[in-house]
PDB file of N, CA and C in Angstrom:
ATOM      1  N   MET A   1     -90.214-104.543 -50.768  1.00  0.00           N
ATOM      2  CA  MET A   1     -88.666-103.641 -51.000  1.00  0.00           C
ATOM      3  C   MET A   1     -87.661-103.853 -49.987  1.00  0.00           C
ATOM      4  N   THR A   2     -86.769-103.929 -50.582  1.00  0.00           N
ATOM      5  CA  THR A   2     -85.368-104.588 -49.542  1.00  0.00           C
ATOM      6  C   THR A   2     -84.800-103.168 -49.374  1.00  0.00           C
ATOM      7  N   PRO A   3     -84.573-102.906 -47.855  1.00  0.00           N
ATOM      8  CA  PRO A   3     -83.894-101.901 -47.399  1.00  0.00           C
ATOM      9  C   PRO A   3     -82.384-101.598 -47.796  1.00  0.00           C
ATOM     10  N   PRO A   4     -82.003-100.622 -47.943  1.00  0.00           N
ATOM     11  CA  PRO A   4     -80.704-100.552 -48.413  1.00  0.00           C
ATOM     12  C   PRO A   4     -79.799-100.865 -47.382  1.00  0.00           C
ATOM     13  N   PRO A   5     -78.642-101.557 -47.746  1.00  0.00           N
ATOM     14  CA  PRO A   5     -77.682-101.969 -46.647  1.00  0.00           C
ATOM     15  C   PRO A   5     -77.341-101.010 -45.707  1.00  0.00           C
ATOM     16  N   ARG A   6     -76.980-101.429 -44.665  1.00  0.00           N
ATOM     17  CA  ARG A   6     -76.635-100.425 -43.392  1.00  0.00           C
ATOM     18  C   ARG A   6     -74.935-100.117 -43.556  1.00  0.00           C
ATOM     19  N   VAL A   7     -74.744 -98.941 -43.320  1.00  0.00           N
ATOM     20  CA  VAL A   7     -73.231 -98.338 -43.247  1.00  0.00           C
ATOM     21  C   VAL A   7     -72.678 -98.575 -41.861  1.00  0.00           C
ATOM     22  N   LYS A   8     -71.723 -99.009 -41.575  1.00  0.00           N
ATOM     23  CA  LYS A   8     -71.401 -99.003 -40.235  1.00  0.00           C
ATOM     24  C   LYS A   8     -71.062 -97.665 -39.473  1.00  0.00           C
ATOM     25  N   ALA A   9     -71.488 -97.464 -38.342  1.00  0.00           N
ATOM     26  CA  ALA A   9     -71.521 -96.127 -37.646  1.00  0.00           C
ATOM     27  C   ALA A   9     -70.196 -95.490 -37.714  1.00  0.00           C
ATOM     28  N   SER A  10     -69.116 -96.157 -37.568  1.00  0.00           N
ATOM     29  CA  SER A  10     -67.849 -95.417 -37.436  1.00  0.00           C
ATOM     30  C   SER A  10     -67.466 -94.983 -38.962  1.00  0.00           C
ATOM     31  N   LEU A  11     -67.828 -95.573 -39.922  1.00  0.00           N
ATOM     32  CA  LEU A  11     -67.936 -94.957 -41.460  1.00  0.00           C
ATOM     33  C   LEU A  11     -68.550 -93.799 -41.550  1.00  0.00           C
ATOM     34  N   SER A  12     -69.732 -93.748 -40.958  1.00  0.00           N
ATOM     35  CA  SER A  12     -70.784 -92.848 -41.322  1.00  0.00           C
ATOM     36  C   SER A  12     -70.217 -91.512 -40.343  1.00  0.00           C
ATOM     37  N   VAL A  13     -69.691 -91.749 -39.111  1.00  0.00           N
ATOM     38  CA  VAL A  13     -68.631 -90.815 -38.350  1.00  0.00           C
ATOM     39  C   VAL A  13     -67.782 -90.115 -39.394  1.00  0.00           C
ATOM     40  N   GLY A  14     -67.080 -90.597 -39.713  1.00  0.00           N
ATOM     41  CA  GLY A  14     -65.753 -90.433 -40.333  1.00  0.00           C
ATOM     42  C   GLY A  14     -66.346 -89.727 -41.638  1.00  0.00           C
ATOM     43  N   ILE A  15     -67.156 -90.230 -42.288  1.00  0.00           N
ATOM     44  CA  ILE A  15     -67.758 -89.089 -43.518  1.00  0.00           C
ATOM     45  C   ILE A  15     -68.286 -87.818 -43.167  1.00  0.00           C
ATOM     46  N   ALA A  16     -69.115 -87.904 -41.942  1.00  0.00           N
ATOM     47  CA  ALA A  16     -69.944 -86.864 -41.436  1.00  0.00           C
ATOM     48  C   ALA A  16     -68.672 -85.715 -41.037  1.00  0.00           C
ATOM     49  N   LEU A  17     -67.501 -86.030 -40.289  1.00  0.00           N
ATOM     50  CA  LEU A  17     -66.429 -85.211 -40.171  1.00  0.00           C
ATOM     51  C   LEU A  17     -65.521 -84.765 -41.020  1.00  0.00           C
ATOM     52  N   ARG A  18     -65.379 -85.494 -42.190  1.00  0.00           N
ATOM     53  CA  ARG A  18     -64.860 -85.111 -43.239  1.00  0.00           C
ATOM     54  C   ARG A  18     -65.413 -84.030 -44.083  1.00  0.00           C
ATOM     55  N   LEU A  19     -66.895 -84.229 -44.304  1.00  0.00           N
ATOM     56  CA  LEU A  19     -67.814 -83.225 -44.945  1.00  0.00           C
ATOM     57  C   LEU A  19     -67.768 -82.006 -44.216  1.00  0.00           C
ATOM     58  N   GLY A  20     -67.698 -82.103 -42.801  1.00  0.00           N
ATOM     59  CA  GLY A  20     -67.814 -80.873 -42.057  1.00  0.00           C
ATOM     60  C   GLY A  20     -66.369 -79.898 -42.074  1.00  0.00           C
ATOM     61  N   ASP A  21     -65.178 -80.771 -42.098  1.00  0.00           N
ATOM     62  CA  ASP A  21     -63.993 -80.128 -42.681  1.00  0.00           C
ATOM     63  C   ASP A  21     -64.037 -79.395 -44.153  1.00  0.00           C
ATOM     64  N   ALA A  22     -64.639 -80.073 -44.900  1.00  0.00           N
ATOM     65  CA  ALA A  22     -64.752 -79.732 -46.182  1.00  0.00           C
ATOM     66  C   ALA A  22     -65.349 -78.485 -46.488  1.00  0.00           C
ATOM     67  N   ASN A  23     -66.400 -78.432 -45.742  1.00  0.00           N
ATOM     68  CA  ASN A  23     -67.598 -77.208 -45.880  1.00  0.00           C
ATOM     69  C   ASN A  23     -67.444 -76.333 -44.743  1.00  0.00           C
ATOM     70  N   GLY A  24     -66.231 -76.345 -43.974  1.00  0.00           N
ATOM     71  CA  GLY A  24     -66.076 -75.341 -43.151  1.00  0.00           C
ATOM     72  C   GLY A  24     -66.779 -75.459 -41.864  1.00  0.00           C
ATOM     73  N   LYS A  25     -67.279 -76.281 -41.591  1.00  0.00           N
ATOM     74  CA  LYS A  25     -67.928 -76.519 -40.116  1.00  0.00           C
ATOM     75  C   LYS A  25     -67.360 -77.752 -39.459  1.00  0.00           C
ATOM     76  N   PRO A  26     -66.281 -77.342 -38.686  1.00  0.00           N
ATOM     77  CA  PRO A  26     -65.351 -78.451 -38.299  1.00  0.00           C
ATOM     78  C   PRO A  26     -66.242 -79.069 -37.182  1.00  0.00           C
ATOM     79  N   GLY A  27     -65.983 -80.347 -36.904  1.00  0.00           N
ATOM     80  CA  GLY A  27     -66.502 -81.231 -35.994  1.00  0.00           C
ATOM     81  C   GLY A  27     -65.673 -81.982 -35.168  1.00  0.00           C
ATOM     82  N   MET A  28     -66.002 -82.581 -34.096  1.00  0.00           N
ATOM     83  CA  MET A  28     -65.179 -83.576 -33.377  1.00  0.00           C
ATOM     84  C   MET A  28     -66.195 -84.628 -32.545  1.00  0.00           C
ATOM     85  N   VAL A  29     -65.605 -85.589 -32.288  1.00  0.00           N
ATOM     86  CA  VAL A  29     -66.460 -86.637 -31.799  1.00  0.00           C
ATOM     87  C   VAL A  29     -66.319 -86.611 -30.034  1.00  0.00           C
ATOM     88  N   LEU A  30     -67.472 -86.269 -29.599  1.00  0.00           N
ATOM     89  CA  LEU A  30     -67.805 -86.045 -28.189  1.00  0.00           C
ATOM     90  C   LEU A  30     -67.704 -87.496 -27.542  1.00  0.00           C
ATOM     91  N   ARG A  31     -68.448 -88.339 -27.975  1.00  0.00           N
ATOM     92  CA  ARG A  31     -68.297 -89.737 -27.351  1.00  0.00           C
ATOM     93  C   ARG A  31     -68.434 -90.850 -28.358  1.00  0.00           C
ATOM     94  N   LYS A  32     -67.522 -91.777 -28.306  1.00  0.00           N
ATOM     95  CA  LYS A  32     -67.513 -93.004 -29.231  1.00  0.00           C
ATOM     96  C   LYS A  32     -68.515 -94.135 -28.893  1.00  0.00           C
ATOM     97  N   GLY A  33     -69.196 -94.478 -29.859  1.00  0.00           N
ATOM     98  CA  GLY A  33     -70.023 -95.521 -29.589  1.00  0.00           C
ATOM     99  C   GLY A  33     -69.706 -96.827 -30.278  1.00  0.00           C
ATOM    100  N   ASP A  34     -70.373 -97.697 -30.637  1.00  0.00           N
ATOM    101  CA  ASP A  34     -70.320 -99.071 -31.110  1.00  0.00           C
ATOM    102  C   ASP A  34     -69.830 -98.835 -32.522  1.00  0.00           C
ATOM    103  N   PRO A  35     -68.463 -99.334 -32.952  1.00  0.00           N
ATOM    104  CA  PRO A  35     -68.106 -99.065 -34.371  1.00  0.00           C
ATOM    105  C   PRO A  35     -69.182 -99.586 -35.280  1.00  0.00           C
ATOM    106  N   ASP A  36     -69.822-100.547 -35.231  1.00  0.00           N
ATOM    107  CA  ASP A  36     -70.516-101.221 -36.240  1.00  0.00           C
ATOM    108  C   ASP A  36     -72.129-100.783 -36.264  1.00  0.00           C
ATOM    109  N   ALA A  37     -72.751-100.814 -35.234  1.00  0.00           N
ATOM    110  CA  ALA A  37     -74.205-100.570 -35.044  1.00  0.00           C
ATOM    111  C   ALA A  37     -74.563 -99.526 -34.042  1.00  0.00           C
ATOM    112  N   GLY A  38     -73.901 -98.523 -33.497  1.00  0.00           N
ATOM    113  CA  GLY A  38     -73.900 -97.681 -32.486  1.00  0.00           C
ATOM    114  C   GLY A  38     -74.824 -96.722 -33.380  1.00  0.00           C
ATOM    115  N   GLY A  39     -75.945 -96.058 -32.472  1.00  0.00           N
ATOM    116  CA  GLY A  39     -76.680 -94.744 -32.967  1.00  0.00           C
ATOM    117  C   GLY A  39     -75.972 -93.514 -32.993  1.00  0.00           C
ATOM    118  N   ILE A  40     -76.291 -92.527 -33.612  1.00  0.00           N
ATOM    119  CA  ILE A  40     -75.513 -91.144 -33.804  1.00  0.00           C
ATOM    120  C   ILE A  40     -76.432 -90.068 -33.386  1.00  0.00           C
ATOM    121  N   LEU A  41     -75.863 -89.174 -32.358  1.00  0.00           N
ATOM    122  CA  LEU A  41     -76.317 -87.887 -32.238  1.00  0.00           C
ATOM    123  C   LEU A  41     -75.540 -87.030 -32.740  1.00  0.00           C
ATOM    124  N   VAL A  42     -76.180 -85.835 -33.562  1.00  0.00           N
ATOM    125  CA  VAL A  42     -75.227 -84.563 -34.004  1.00  0.00           C
ATOM    126  C   VAL A  42     -75.635 -83.664 -33.106  1.00  0.00           C
ATOM    127  N   VAL A  43     -74.735 -82.593 -32.633  1.00  0.00           N
ATOM    128  CA  VAL A  43     -74.885 -81.567 -31.804  1.00  0.00           C
ATOM    129  C   VAL A  43     -74.565 -80.489 -32.979  1.00  0.00           C
ATOM    130  N   LEU A  44     -75.330 -79.582 -33.316  1.00  0.00           N
ATOM    131  CA  LEU A  44     -75.111 -78.349 -33.955  1.00  0.00           C
ATOM    132  C   LEU A  44     -74.936 -77.127 -32.990  1.00  0.00           C
ATOM    133  N   ARG A  45     -73.729 -76.377 -33.211  1.00  0.00           N
ATOM    134  CA  ARG A  45     -73.541 -75.392 -32.151  1.00  0.00           C
ATOM    135  C   ARG A  45     -73.256 -74.155 -33.249  1.00  0.00           C
ATOM    136  N   GLY A  46     -74.366 -73.251 -32.749  1.00  0.00           N
ATOM    137  CA  GLY A  46     -74.502 -72.068 -33.683  1.00  0.00           C
ATOM    138  C   GLY A  46     -74.708 -70.774 -32.812  1.00  0.00           C
ATOM    139  N   ARG A  47     -74.664 -69.644 -33.450  1.00  0.00           N
ATOM    140  CA  ARG A  47     -74.965 -68.490 -32.585  1.00  0.00           C
ATOM    141  C   ARG A  47     -76.075 -68.359 -31.778  1.00  0.00           C
ATOM    142  N   ALA A  48     -76.912 -69.067 -32.243  1.00  0.00           N
ATOM    143  CA  ALA A  48     -78.388 -68.982 -31.348  1.00  0.00           C
ATOM    144  C   ALA A  48     -78.534 -69.944 -30.554  1.00  0.00           C
ATOM    145  N   GLY A  49     -77.721 -70.918 -30.347  1.00  0.00           N
ATOM    146  CA  GLY A  49     -77.828 -71.977 -29.149  1.00  0.00           C
ATOM    147  C   GLY A  49     -77.200 -73.241 -29.978  1.00  0.00           C
ATOM    148  N   MET A  50     -77.843 -74.252 -29.274  1.00  0.00           N
ATOM    149  CA  MET A  50     -77.546 -75.648 -29.839  1.00  0.00           C
ATOM    150  C   MET A  50     -78.606 -76.359 -30.141  1.00  0.00           C
ATOM    151  N   THR A  51     -78.484 -77.495 -31.128  1.00  0.00           N
ATOM    152  CA  THR A  51     -79.644 -78.409 -31.698  1.00  0.00           C
ATOM    153  C   THR A  51     -79.159 -79.673 -31.627  1.00  0.00           C
ATOM    154  N   VAL A  52     -79.838 -80.596 -30.984  1.00  0.00           N
ATOM    155  CA  VAL A  52     -79.231 -82.026 -31.349  1.00  0.00           C
ATOM    156  C   VAL A  52     -80.346 -82.622 -32.293  1.00  0.00           C
ATOM    157  N   LEU A  53     -79.534 -83.415 -33.209  1.00  0.00           N
ATOM    158  CA  LEU A  53     -80.008 -84.054 -34.296  1.00  0.00           C
ATOM    159  C   LEU A  53     -79.778 -85.682 -33.932  1.00  0.00           C
ATOM    160  N   SER A  54     -80.913 -86.482 -33.984  1.00  0.00           N
ATOM    161  CA  SER A  54     -80.774 -87.953 -33.748  1.00  0.00           C
ATOM    162  C   SER A  54     -81.089 -88.553 -35.043  1.00  0.00           C
ATOM    163  N   ARG A  55     -80.310 -89.501 -35.470  1.00  0.00           N
ATOM    164  CA  ARG A  55     -80.355 -90.326 -36.733  1.00  0.00           C
ATOM    165  C   ARG A  55     -81.201 -91.479 -36.421  1.00  0.00           C
ATOM    166  N   MET A  56     -82.127 -91.657 -37.481  1.00  0.00           N
ATOM    167  CA  MET A  56     -83.336 -92.489 -37.578  1.00  0.00           C
ATOM    168  C   MET A  56     -83.649 -93.046 -38.820  1.00  0.00           C
ATOM    169  N   THR A  57     -84.378 -94.320 -39.009  1.00  0.00           N
ATOM    170  CA  THR A  57     -84.428 -94.752 -40.327  1.00  0.00           C
ATOM    171  C   THR A  57     -86.081 -94.396 -40.850  1.00  0.00           C
ATOM    172  N   ASP A  58     -86.193 -93.605 -42.241  1.00  0.00           N
ATOM    173  CA  ASP A  58     -87.349 -93.372 -42.337  1.00  0.00           C
ATOM    174  C   ASP A  58     -88.118 -94.501 -42.982  1.00  0.00           C
ATOM    175  N   PRO A  59     -89.446 -94.213 -43.239  1.00  0.00           N
ATOM    176  CA  PRO A  59     -90.314 -95.647 -43.746  1.00  0.00           C
ATOM    177  C   PRO A  59     -89.818 -96.131 -44.828  1.00  0.00           C
ATOM    178  N   ASP A  60     -88.912 -95.482 -45.676  1.00  0.00           N
ATOM    179  CA  ASP A  60     -88.457 -96.360 -46.812  1.00  0.00           C
ATOM    180  C   ASP A  60     -87.151 -96.860 -46.629  1.00  0.00           C
ATOM    181  N   GLY A  61     -86.348 -96.802 -45.502  1.00  0.00           N
ATOM    182  CA  GLY A  61     -85.467 -97.635 -44.915  1.00  0.00           C
ATOM    183  C   GLY A  61     -84.040 -96.697 -44.977  1.00  0.00           C
ATOM    184  N   GLY A  62     -84.405 -95.381 -45.511  1.00  0.00           N
ATOM    185  CA  GLY A  62     -83.243 -94.708 -45.618  1.00  0.00           C
ATOM    186  C   GLY A  62     -82.690 -93.920 -44.281  1.00  0.00           C
ATOM    187  N   ILE A  63     -81.954 -93.149 -44.366  1.00  0.00           N
ATOM    188  CA  ILE A  63     -81.437 -92.280 -43.140  1.00  0.00           C
ATOM    189  C   ILE A  63     -82.194 -91.038 -43.132  1.00  0.00           C
ATOM    190  N   ALA A  64     -82.637 -90.625 -41.870  1.00  0.00           N
ATOM    191  CA  ALA A  64     -83.280 -89.333 -41.901  1.00  0.00           C
ATOM    192  C   ALA A  64     -82.761 -88.829 -40.399  1.00  0.00           C
ATOM    193  N   TRP A  65     -83.184 -87.613 -40.311  1.00  0.00           N
ATOM    194  CA  TRP A  65     -82.675 -86.950 -38.983  1.00  0.00           C
ATOM    195  C   TRP A  65     -83.957 -86.245 -38.214  1.00  0.00           C
ATOM    196  N   ILE A  66     -83.681 -86.323 -37.082  1.00  0.00           N
ATOM    197  CA  ILE A  66     -85.035 -85.552 -36.409  1.00  0.00           C
ATOM    198  C   ILE A  66     -84.332 -84.681 -35.428  1.00  0.00           C
ATOM    199  N   ARG A  67     -84.966 -83.479 -35.026  1.00  0.00           N
ATOM    200  CA  ARG A  67     -84.328 -82.391 -34.269  1.00  0.00           C
ATOM    201  C   ARG A  67     -84.985 -82.749 -32.784  1.00  0.00           C
ATOM    202  N   ALA A  68     -84.206 -83.467 -32.015  1.00  0.00           N
ATOM    203  CA  ALA A  68     -84.455 -84.164 -30.845  1.00  0.00           C
ATOM    204  C   ALA A  68     -84.729 -83.152 -29.697  1.00  0.00           C
ATOM    205  N   THR A  69     -84.137 -81.968 -29.818  1.00  0.00           N
ATOM    206  CA  THR A  69     -84.200 -80.962 -28.900  1.00  0.00           C
ATOM    207  C   THR A  69     -85.226 -80.235 -29.145  1.00  0.00           C
ATOM    208  N   GLY A  70     -85.962 -80.241 -30.325  1.00  0.00           N
ATOM    209  CA  GLY A  70     -87.248 -79.424 -30.610  1.00  0.00           C
ATOM    210  C   GLY A  70     -86.773 -78.473 -31.838  1.00  0.00           C
ATOM    211  N   ALA A  71     -87.754 -77.905 -32.510  1.00  0.00           N
ATOM    212  CA  ALA A  71     -87.632 -76.785 -33.494  1.00  0.00           C
ATOM    213  C   ALA A  71     -86.393 -75.430 -33.264  1.00  0.00           C
ATOM    214  N   THR A  72     -86.411 -74.866 -32.122  1.00  0.00           N
ATOM    215  CA  THR A  72     -85.524 -74.037 -32.046  1.00  0.00           C
ATOM    216  C   THR A  72     -84.207 -74.378 -31.136  1.00  0.00           C
ATOM    217  N   PRO A  73     -83.262 -73.703 -31.396  1.00  0.00           N
ATOM    218  CA  PRO A  73     -81.999 -73.928 -30.540  1.00  0.00           C
ATOM    219  C   PRO A  73     -82.301 -73.808 -29.012  1.00  0.00           C
ATOM    220  N   VAL A  74     -81.431 -74.687 -28.329  1.00  0.00           N
ATOM    221  CA  VAL A  74     -81.770 -74.579 -27.065  1.00  0.00           C
ATOM    222  C   VAL A  74     -80.418 -74.337 -26.199  1.00  0.00           C
ATOM    223  N   GLU A  75     -80.401 -74.226 -24.874  1.00  0.00           N
ATOM    224  CA  GLU A  75     -78.880 -73.896 -24.251  1.00  0.00           C
ATOM    225  C   GLU A  75     -78.041 -75.074 -23.951  1.00  0.00           C
ATOM    226  N   ALA A  76     -77.041 -74.964 -23.725  1.00  0.00           N
ATOM    227  CA  ALA A  76     -75.732 -75.997 -23.694  1.00  0.00           C
ATOM    228  C   ALA A  76     -76.437 -77.137 -22.540  1.00  0.00           C
ATOM    229  N   ASP A  77     -76.848 -76.511 -21.247  1.00  0.00           N
ATOM    230  CA  ASP A  77     -77.128 -77.677 -20.352  1.00  0.00           C
ATOM    231  C   ASP A  77     -78.383 -78.416 -20.857  1.00  0.00           C
ATOM    232  N   THR A  78     -79.257 -77.947 -21.605  1.00  0.00           N
ATOM    233  CA  THR A  78     -80.696 -78.548 -22.191  1.00  0.00           C
ATOM    234  C   THR A  78     -80.162 -79.709 -22.979  1.00  0.00           C
ATOM    235  N   ALA A  79     -79.027 -79.366 -23.951  1.00  0.00           N
ATOM    236  CA  ALA A  79     -78.649 -80.267 -24.892  1.00  0.00           C
ATOM    237  C   ALA A  79     -77.946 -81.321 -24.017  1.00  0.00           C
ATOM    238  N   ASP A  80     -76.977 -81.041 -23.285  1.00  0.00           N
ATOM    239  CA  ASP A  80     -76.310 -82.005 -22.534  1.00  0.00           C
ATOM    240  C   ASP A  80     -77.175 -82.960 -21.535  1.00  0.00           C
ATOM    241  N   ALA A  81     -78.272 -82.464 -20.963  1.00  0.00           N
ATOM    242  CA  ALA A  81     -79.043 -83.193 -20.290  1.00  0.00           C
ATOM    243  C   ALA A  81     -79.948 -84.358 -21.312  1.00  0.00           C
ATOM    244  N   TYR A  82     -80.212 -83.905 -22.643  1.00  0.00           N
ATOM    245  CA  TYR A  82     -80.992 -84.808 -23.405  1.00  0.00           C
ATOM    246  C   TYR A  82     -79.857 -85.880 -23.867  1.00  0.00           C
ATOM    247  N   ILE A  83     -78.534 -85.397 -24.052  1.00  0.00           N
ATOM    248  CA  ILE A  83     -77.642 -86.380 -24.677  1.00  0.00           C
ATOM    249  C   ILE A  83     -77.324 -87.419 -23.438  1.00  0.00           C
ATOM    250  N   ALA A  84     -77.266 -86.919 -22.275  1.00  0.00           N
ATOM    251  CA  ALA A  84     -76.967 -87.876 -21.080  1.00  0.00           C
ATOM    252  C   ALA A  84     -78.254 -88.859 -20.845  1.00  0.00           C
ATOM    253  N   ARG A  85     -79.255 -88.450 -21.075  1.00  0.00           N
ATOM    254  CA  ARG A  85     -80.630 -89.431 -20.885  1.00  0.00           C
ATOM    255  C   ARG A  85     -80.423 -90.717 -21.962  1.00  0.00           C
ATOM    256  N   GLN A  86     -80.158 -89.973 -23.168  1.00  0.00           N
ATOM    257  CA  GLN A  86     -79.975 -90.981 -24.565  1.00  0.00           C
ATOM    258  C   GLN A  86     -78.691 -92.008 -24.054  1.00  0.00           C
ATOM    259  N   VAL A  87     -77.405 -91.339 -23.485  1.00  0.00           N
ATOM    260  CA  VAL A  87     -76.427 -92.453 -23.576  1.00  0.00           C
ATOM    261  C   VAL A  87     -76.977 -93.080 -22.296  1.00  0.00           C
ATOM    262  N   LYS A  88     -77.661 -93.040 -21.446  1.00  0.00           N
ATOM    263  CA  LYS A  88     -78.086 -94.015 -20.431  1.00  0.00           C
ATOM    264  C   LYS A  88     -78.945 -95.317 -20.945  1.00  0.00           C
ATOM    265  N   PHE A  89     -79.700 -94.734 -21.812  1.00  0.00           N
ATOM    266  CA  PHE A  89     -80.806 -95.722 -22.724  1.00  0.00           C
ATOM    267  C   PHE A  89     -80.053 -96.604 -23.673  1.00  0.00           C
ATOM    268  N   ASP A  90     -78.808 -95.744 -24.117  1.00  0.00           N
ATOM    269  CA  ASP A  90     -78.208 -96.543 -25.431  1.00  0.00           C
ATOM    270  C   ASP A  90     -76.643 -96.296 -25.193  1.00  0.00           C
ATOM    271  N   PRO A  91     -76.051 -97.023 -24.488  1.00  0.00           N
ATOM    272  CA  PRO A  91     -74.606 -97.017 -24.380  1.00  0.00           C
ATOM    273  C   PRO A  91     -73.767 -97.003 -25.497  1.00  0.00           C
ATOM    274  N   ASP A  92     -74.329 -97.716 -26.632  1.00  0.00           N
ATOM    275  CA  ASP A  92     -73.374 -97.680 -27.829  1.00  0.00           C
ATOM    276  C   ASP A  92     -73.594 -96.431 -28.704  1.00  0.00           C
ATOM    277  N   LEU A  93     -74.105 -95.403 -28.371  1.00  0.00           N
ATOM    278  CA  LEU A  93     -74.312 -94.258 -29.049  1.00  0.00           C
ATOM    279  C   LEU A  93     -73.303 -93.299 -29.161  1.00  0.00           C
ATOM    280  N   TRP A  94     -73.032 -92.819 -30.483  1.00  0.00           N
ATOM    281  CA  TRP A  94     -71.974 -91.865 -31.005  1.00  0.00           C
ATOM    282  C   TRP A  94     -72.394 -90.302 -30.707  1.00  0.00           C
ATOM    283  N   VAL A  95     -71.747 -89.579 -30.153  1.00  0.00           N
ATOM    284  CA  VAL A  95     -72.158 -88.273 -30.181  1.00  0.00           C
ATOM    285  C   VAL A  95     -70.682 -87.333 -31.167  1.00  0.00           C
ATOM    286  N   LEU A  96     -71.557 -86.406 -31.924  1.00  0.00           N
ATOM    287  CA  LEU A  96     -70.726 -85.763 -32.702  1.00  0.00           C
ATOM    288  C   LEU A  96     -71.100 -84.142 -32.510  1.00  0.00           C
ATOM    289  N   GLU A  97     -70.187 -83.218 -32.508  1.00  0.00           N
ATOM    290  CA  GLU A  97     -70.115 -81.678 -32.528  1.00  0.00           C
ATOM    291  C   GLU A  97     -69.936 -80.816 -33.723  1.00  0.00           C
ATOM    292  N   PHE A  98     -70.778 -80.040 -34.384  1.00  0.00           N
ATOM    293  CA  PHE A  98     -70.089 -79.559 -35.199  1.00  0.00           C
ATOM    294  C   PHE A  98     -70.290 -77.980 -35.129  1.00  0.00           C
ATOM    295  N   GLU A  99     -69.406 -77.019 -35.300  1.00  0.00           N
ATOM    296  CA  GLU A  99     -69.670 -75.612 -35.288  1.00  0.00           C
ATOM    297  C   GLU A  99     -70.143 -75.193 -36.610  1.00  0.00           C
ATOM    298  N   THR A 100     -71.637 -74.605 -36.291  1.00  0.00           N
ATOM    299  CA  THR A 100     -72.242 -74.336 -37.678  1.00  0.00           C
ATOM    300  C   THR A 100     -73.041 -73.219 -37.156  1.00  0.00           C
ATOM    301  N   PRO A 101     -72.518 -71.880 -37.827  1.00  0.00           N
ATOM    302  CA  PRO A 101     -73.247 -70.687 -37.319  1.00  0.00           C
ATOM    303  C   PRO A 101     -74.713 -70.714 -37.856  1.00  0.00           C
ATOM    304  N   ASP A 102     -74.940 -71.336 -38.951  1.00  0.00           N
ATOM    305  CA  ASP A 102     -76.445 -71.197 -39.607  1.00  0.00           C
ATOM    306  C   ASP A 102     -77.280 -72.661 -39.206  1.00  0.00           C
ATOM    307  N   MET A 103     -76.643 -73.386 -38.181  1.00  0.00           N
ATOM    308  CA  MET A 103     -77.494 -74.251 -37.692  1.00  0.00           C
ATOM    309  C   MET A 103     -77.860 -75.400 -38.656  1.00  0.00           C
ATOM    310  N   VAL A 104     -77.047 -75.538 -39.727  1.00  0.00           N
ATOM    311  CA  VAL A 104     -77.343 -76.527 -40.890  1.00  0.00           C
ATOM    312  C   VAL A 104     -76.164 -77.555 -40.723  1.00  0.00           C
ATOM    313  N   PRO A 105     -76.542 -78.861 -40.747  1.00  0.00           N
ATOM    314  CA  PRO A 105     -75.640 -79.791 -40.641  1.00  0.00           C
ATOM    315  C   PRO A 105     -74.640 -79.700 -42.152  1.00  0.00           C
ATOM    316  N   PRO A 106     -73.342 -80.003 -41.678  1.00  0.00           N
ATOM    317  CA  PRO A 106     -72.446 -79.946 -42.839  1.00  0.00           C
ATOM    318  C   PRO A 106     -72.449 -81.288 -43.917  1.00  0.00           C
ATOM    319  N   PHE A 107     -73.238 -82.229 -43.610  1.00  0.00           N
ATOM    320  CA  PHE A 107     -73.475 -83.081 -44.602  1.00  0.00           C
ATOM    321  C   PHE A 107     -75.179 -83.127 -45.177  1.00  0.00           C
ATOM    322  N   GLU A 108     -75.471 -84.093 -46.002  1.00  0.00           N
ATOM    323  CA  GLU A 108     -76.558 -84.155 -46.639  1.00  0.00           C
ATOM    324  C   GLU A 108     -77.447 -84.865 -45.626  1.00  0.00           C
ATOM    325  N   ALA A 109     -78.484 -84.322 -45.189  1.00  0.00           N
ATOM    326  CA  ALA A 109     -79.409 -84.437 -43.890  1.00  0.00           C
ATOM    327  C   ALA A 109     -81.017 -84.260 -44.477  1.00  0.00           C
ATOM    328  N   LYS A 110     -81.561 -85.453 -44.359  1.00  0.00           N
ATOM    329  CA  LYS A 110     -83.128 -85.276 -44.779  1.00  0.00           C
ATOM    330  C   LYS A 110     -83.555 -85.171 -43.074  1.00  0.00           C
ATOM    331  N   ILE A 111     -84.125 -84.000 -42.922  1.00  0.00           N
ATOM    332  CA  ILE A 111     -84.750 -83.786 -41.344  1.00  0.00           C
ATOM    333  C   ILE A 111     -86.196 -83.658 -41.511  1.00  0.00           C
ATOM    334  N   VAL A 112     -86.666 -84.598 -40.588  1.00  0.00           N
ATOM    335  CA  VAL A 112     -88.313 -85.009 -40.598  1.00  0.00           C
ATOM    336  C   VAL A 112     -88.748 -84.191 -39.253  1.00  0.00           C
TER     337      VAL A 112
END
């Protein structure tokens, strides 16, 4: 089975931001990464704290997300420390943040 074609990171980021605006969950780019193949982290900022989602490829070659900071929201310093570690490991990484009181991403996201 051939995996689906990859979408450029900058295009994925633009789509996510537009969907956030359309869904009343505004977002912003905290860090620009490689426009073609950079990884993406999404910070969800809600009433209970923050959650960092990391984009990954599922076994079928599609896009999925994992709650990189755990199942429950964390404090800002914990999220920031996680992001800093990931940026050291991958300098091409994009980081987005969305205001989402319900901690649900403003775009379609398969969370594993």
